[in-house]
Amino acid sequence: MLHLTGRYFYSNNDWEIMQRAHAKASELLGRCPHTHEHANRLARIVMKLFDRGLRDAEVLAWVAANQETVISNIASEREGRTAL
């Protein structure tokens, strides 16, 4: 069965790959994949990378975790500057 999200169609296998990648990326970041405040942002990163052609769940997880780390660091710096 195919699922439409935005303008892309995902098979059940696609969703399984993205779910594994999200869970692994969350593990790499030391976060809960369900309750962390930025779990949805990480999921969107995984989906974006998948849409760009990454299909290996391990590679997808590693790249997504790295991108999320960069985004989190930028957000933390911005919050620190506004607090001054």
N, C-alpha and C. Protein backbone atom coordinates (compact mmCIF):
# COMPACT_ATOMS: atom_id res chain seq x y z
N MET A 1 0.84 -1.18 0.00
CA MET A 1 0.00 0.00 0.00
C MET A 1 0.89 1.24 0.00
N LEU A 2 0.48 2.25 -0.76
CA LEU A 2 1.22 3.50 -0.82
C LEU A 2 0.51 4.57 -0.01
N HIS A 3 1.28 5.43 0.64
CA HIS A 3 0.74 6.52 1.44
C HIS A 3 1.21 7.83 0.85
N LEU A 4 0.31 8.78 0.73
CA LEU A 4 0.67 10.09 0.21
C LEU A 4 0.93 11.04 1.36
N THR A 5 2.10 11.65 1.35
CA THR A 5 2.45 12.67 2.33
C THR A 5 3.03 13.83 1.54
N GLY A 6 2.35 14.96 1.58
CA GLY A 6 2.81 16.08 0.77
C GLY A 6 2.69 15.71 -0.69
N ARG A 7 3.79 15.72 -1.39
CA ARG A 7 3.75 15.37 -2.81
C ARG A 7 4.42 14.03 -3.10
N TYR A 8 4.79 13.28 -2.07
CA TYR A 8 5.48 12.02 -2.25
C TYR A 8 4.60 10.85 -1.83
N PHE A 9 4.80 9.72 -2.50
CA PHE A 9 4.14 8.49 -2.12
C PHE A 9 5.17 7.60 -1.44
N TYR A 10 4.80 7.02 -0.30
CA TYR A 10 5.70 6.14 0.43
C TYR A 10 5.05 4.77 0.55
N SER A 11 5.83 3.74 0.28
CA SER A 11 5.36 2.37 0.49
C SER A 11 5.52 2.02 1.96
N ASN A 12 4.97 0.88 2.33
CA ASN A 12 5.14 0.42 3.71
C ASN A 12 6.63 0.21 4.01
N ASN A 13 7.37 -0.29 3.03
CA ASN A 13 8.81 -0.50 3.20
C ASN A 13 9.53 0.84 3.41
N ASP A 14 9.13 1.87 2.65
CA ASP A 14 9.72 3.20 2.83
C ASP A 14 9.51 3.69 4.26
N TRP A 15 8.28 3.54 4.76
CA TRP A 15 7.98 3.98 6.12
C TRP A 15 8.80 3.22 7.15
N GLU A 16 8.99 1.91 6.91
CA GLU A 16 9.80 1.10 7.83
C GLU A 16 11.24 1.59 7.87
N ILE A 17 11.79 1.90 6.71
CA ILE A 17 13.16 2.43 6.65
C ILE A 17 13.25 3.75 7.41
N MET A 18 12.30 4.65 7.17
CA MET A 18 12.33 5.95 7.84
C MET A 18 12.12 5.81 9.34
N GLN A 19 11.25 4.89 9.76
CA GLN A 19 11.04 4.68 11.20
C GLN A 19 12.29 4.13 11.87
N ARG A 20 12.97 3.17 11.21
CA ARG A 20 14.22 2.64 11.77
C ARG A 20 15.28 3.74 11.86
N ALA A 21 15.35 4.55 10.81
CA ALA A 21 16.34 5.63 10.79
C ALA A 21 16.03 6.65 11.90
N HIS A 22 14.77 6.98 12.08
CA HIS A 22 14.39 7.94 13.13
C HIS A 22 14.71 7.40 14.51
N ALA A 23 14.40 6.13 14.73
CA ALA A 23 14.70 5.51 16.02
C ALA A 23 16.20 5.48 16.28
N LYS A 24 16.99 5.13 15.27
CA LYS A 24 18.44 5.07 15.42
C LYS A 24 19.03 6.46 15.62
N ALA A 25 18.54 7.45 14.86
CA ALA A 25 19.02 8.83 15.03
C ALA A 25 18.71 9.33 16.43
N SER A 26 17.52 9.01 16.92
CA SER A 26 17.15 9.40 18.28
C SER A 26 18.08 8.76 19.30
N GLU A 27 18.39 7.50 19.07
CA GLU A 27 19.33 6.79 19.96
C GLU A 27 20.71 7.45 19.93
N LEU A 28 21.18 7.79 18.73
CA LEU A 28 22.48 8.45 18.61
C LEU A 28 22.50 9.79 19.35
N LEU A 29 21.36 10.46 19.37
CA LEU A 29 21.25 11.76 20.04
C LEU A 29 20.92 11.64 21.53
N GLY A 30 20.66 10.40 21.99
CA GLY A 30 20.29 10.18 23.38
C GLY A 30 18.91 10.71 23.72
N ARG A 31 17.99 10.58 22.77
CA ARG A 31 16.64 11.13 22.93
C ARG A 31 15.59 10.05 22.77
N CYS A 32 14.42 10.29 23.34
CA CYS A 32 13.27 9.42 23.11
C CYS A 32 12.68 9.80 21.75
N PRO A 33 12.46 8.81 20.87
CA PRO A 33 11.92 9.12 19.55
C PRO A 33 10.46 9.54 19.57
N HIS A 34 9.81 9.37 20.71
CA HIS A 34 8.38 9.69 20.80
C HIS A 34 8.09 10.95 21.61
N THR A 35 8.83 11.17 22.67
CA THR A 35 8.47 12.25 23.59
C THR A 35 9.40 13.46 23.57
N HIS A 36 10.54 13.35 22.93
CA HIS A 36 11.46 14.49 22.91
C HIS A 36 10.81 15.66 22.20
N GLU A 37 11.07 16.86 22.68
CA GLU A 37 10.43 18.04 22.11
C GLU A 37 10.74 18.27 20.64
N HIS A 38 11.85 17.73 20.15
CA HIS A 38 12.21 17.92 18.74
C HIS A 38 12.12 16.62 17.93
N ALA A 39 11.35 15.66 18.42
CA ALA A 39 11.19 14.38 17.70
C ALA A 39 10.59 14.59 16.32
N ASN A 40 9.61 15.48 16.21
CA ASN A 40 8.98 15.73 14.91
C ASN A 40 9.94 16.42 13.94
N ARG A 41 10.76 17.32 14.45
CA ARG A 41 11.74 17.98 13.60
C ARG A 41 12.72 16.95 13.04
N LEU A 42 13.16 16.03 13.90
CA LEU A 42 14.06 14.97 13.46
C LEU A 42 13.38 14.09 12.40
N ALA A 43 12.12 13.79 12.60
CA ALA A 43 11.38 12.99 11.63
C ALA A 43 11.31 13.69 10.27
N ARG A 44 11.10 15.00 10.29
CA ARG A 44 11.07 15.75 9.03
C ARG A 44 12.43 15.74 8.34
N ILE A 45 13.50 15.80 9.12
CA ILE A 45 14.85 15.71 8.55
C ILE A 45 15.04 14.35 7.89
N VAL A 46 14.64 13.28 8.58
CA VAL A 46 14.76 11.93 8.03
C VAL A 46 13.98 11.83 6.71
N MET A 47 12.76 12.34 6.70
CA MET A 47 11.94 12.28 5.49
C MET A 47 12.57 13.08 4.35
N LYS A 48 13.10 14.25 4.66
CA LYS A 48 13.73 15.08 3.64
C LYS A 48 14.93 14.36 3.03
N LEU A 49 15.75 13.75 3.87
CA LEU A 49 16.92 13.02 3.38
C LEU A 49 16.50 11.80 2.55
N PHE A 50 15.45 11.12 3.00
CA PHE A 50 14.91 9.98 2.26
C PHE A 50 14.45 10.44 0.87
N ASP A 51 13.74 11.56 0.85
CA ASP A 51 13.25 12.10 -0.43
C ASP A 51 14.39 12.49 -1.36
N ARG A 52 15.54 12.81 -0.80
CA ARG A 52 16.71 13.17 -1.61
C ARG A 52 17.52 11.96 -2.05
N GLY A 53 17.06 10.76 -1.66
CA GLY A 53 17.67 9.55 -2.19
C GLY A 53 18.40 8.65 -1.21
N LEU A 54 18.55 9.06 0.04
CA LEU A 54 19.20 8.18 1.03
C LEU A 54 18.21 7.07 1.40
N ARG A 55 18.62 5.82 1.23
CA ARG A 55 17.72 4.71 1.51
C ARG A 55 18.25 3.74 2.55
N ASP A 56 19.51 3.86 2.91
CA ASP A 56 20.10 3.00 3.93
C ASP A 56 19.76 3.58 5.30
N ALA A 57 19.04 2.82 6.13
CA ALA A 57 18.56 3.33 7.42
C ALA A 57 19.70 3.79 8.33
N GLU A 58 20.82 3.07 8.31
CA GLU A 58 21.95 3.45 9.17
C GLU A 58 22.57 4.77 8.72
N VAL A 59 22.78 4.91 7.43
CA VAL A 59 23.36 6.14 6.89
C VAL A 59 22.39 7.29 7.09
N LEU A 60 21.13 7.02 6.82
CA LEU A 60 20.08 8.02 7.01
C LEU A 60 20.05 8.52 8.45
N ALA A 61 20.15 7.59 9.40
CA ALA A 61 20.14 7.95 10.83
C ALA A 61 21.34 8.81 11.19
N TRP A 62 22.50 8.42 10.71
CA TRP A 62 23.73 9.16 11.03
C TRP A 62 23.68 10.58 10.48
N VAL A 63 23.28 10.73 9.22
CA VAL A 63 23.22 12.05 8.60
C VAL A 63 22.15 12.91 9.29
N ALA A 64 20.98 12.31 9.58
CA ALA A 64 19.91 13.05 10.25
C ALA A 64 20.34 13.50 11.64
N ALA A 65 21.01 12.64 12.38
CA ALA A 65 21.48 13.00 13.72
C ALA A 65 22.49 14.15 13.66
N ASN A 66 23.37 14.11 12.67
CA ASN A 66 24.34 15.19 12.51
C ASN A 66 23.65 16.51 12.15
N GLN A 67 22.69 16.46 11.25
CA GLN A 67 21.96 17.68 10.90
C GLN A 67 21.19 18.22 12.10
N GLU A 68 20.56 17.34 12.85
CA GLU A 68 19.80 17.78 14.03
C GLU A 68 20.74 18.40 15.07
N THR A 69 21.93 17.86 15.22
CA THR A 69 22.91 18.42 16.15
C THR A 69 23.27 19.84 15.75
N VAL A 70 23.50 20.06 14.47
CA VAL A 70 23.82 21.40 13.98
C VAL A 70 22.65 22.36 14.24
N ILE A 71 21.45 21.93 13.91
CA ILE A 71 20.27 22.78 14.12
C ILE A 71 20.08 23.10 15.60
N SER A 72 20.24 22.10 16.45
CA SER A 72 20.09 22.31 17.90
C SER A 72 21.14 23.28 18.43
N ASN A 73 22.37 23.15 17.94
CA ASN A 73 23.44 24.05 18.38
C ASN A 73 23.17 25.49 17.96
N ILE A 74 22.69 25.67 16.73
CA ILE A 74 22.35 27.02 16.26
C ILE A 74 21.23 27.60 17.09
N ALA A 75 20.21 26.81 17.36
CA ALA A 75 19.08 27.28 18.17
C ALA A 75 19.53 27.65 19.58
N SER A 76 20.41 26.84 20.16
CA SER A 76 20.92 27.12 21.51
C SER A 76 21.73 28.43 21.53
N GLU A 77 22.53 28.64 20.51
CA GLU A 77 23.31 29.88 20.42
C GLU A 77 22.40 31.08 20.31
N ARG A 78 21.38 30.97 19.48
CA ARG A 78 20.44 32.08 19.33
C ARG A 78 19.70 32.38 20.62
N GLU A 79 19.28 31.34 21.34
CA GLU A 79 18.60 31.53 22.61
C GLU A 79 19.53 32.18 23.63
N GLY A 80 20.79 31.79 23.60
CA GLY A 80 21.79 32.37 24.51
C GLY A 80 22.02 33.85 24.24
N ARG A 81 22.01 34.22 22.98
CA ARG A 81 22.22 35.63 22.62
C ARG A 81 21.03 36.49 23.01
N THR A 82 19.82 35.97 22.86
CA THR A 82 18.64 36.77 23.21
C THR A 82 18.49 36.91 24.72
N ALA A 83 19.09 35.95 25.45
CA ALA A 83 18.98 36.01 26.90
C ALA A 83 19.93 37.05 27.50
N LEU A 84 20.94 37.46 26.74
CA LEU A 84 21.92 38.41 27.27
C LEU A 84 21.38 39.76 27.40
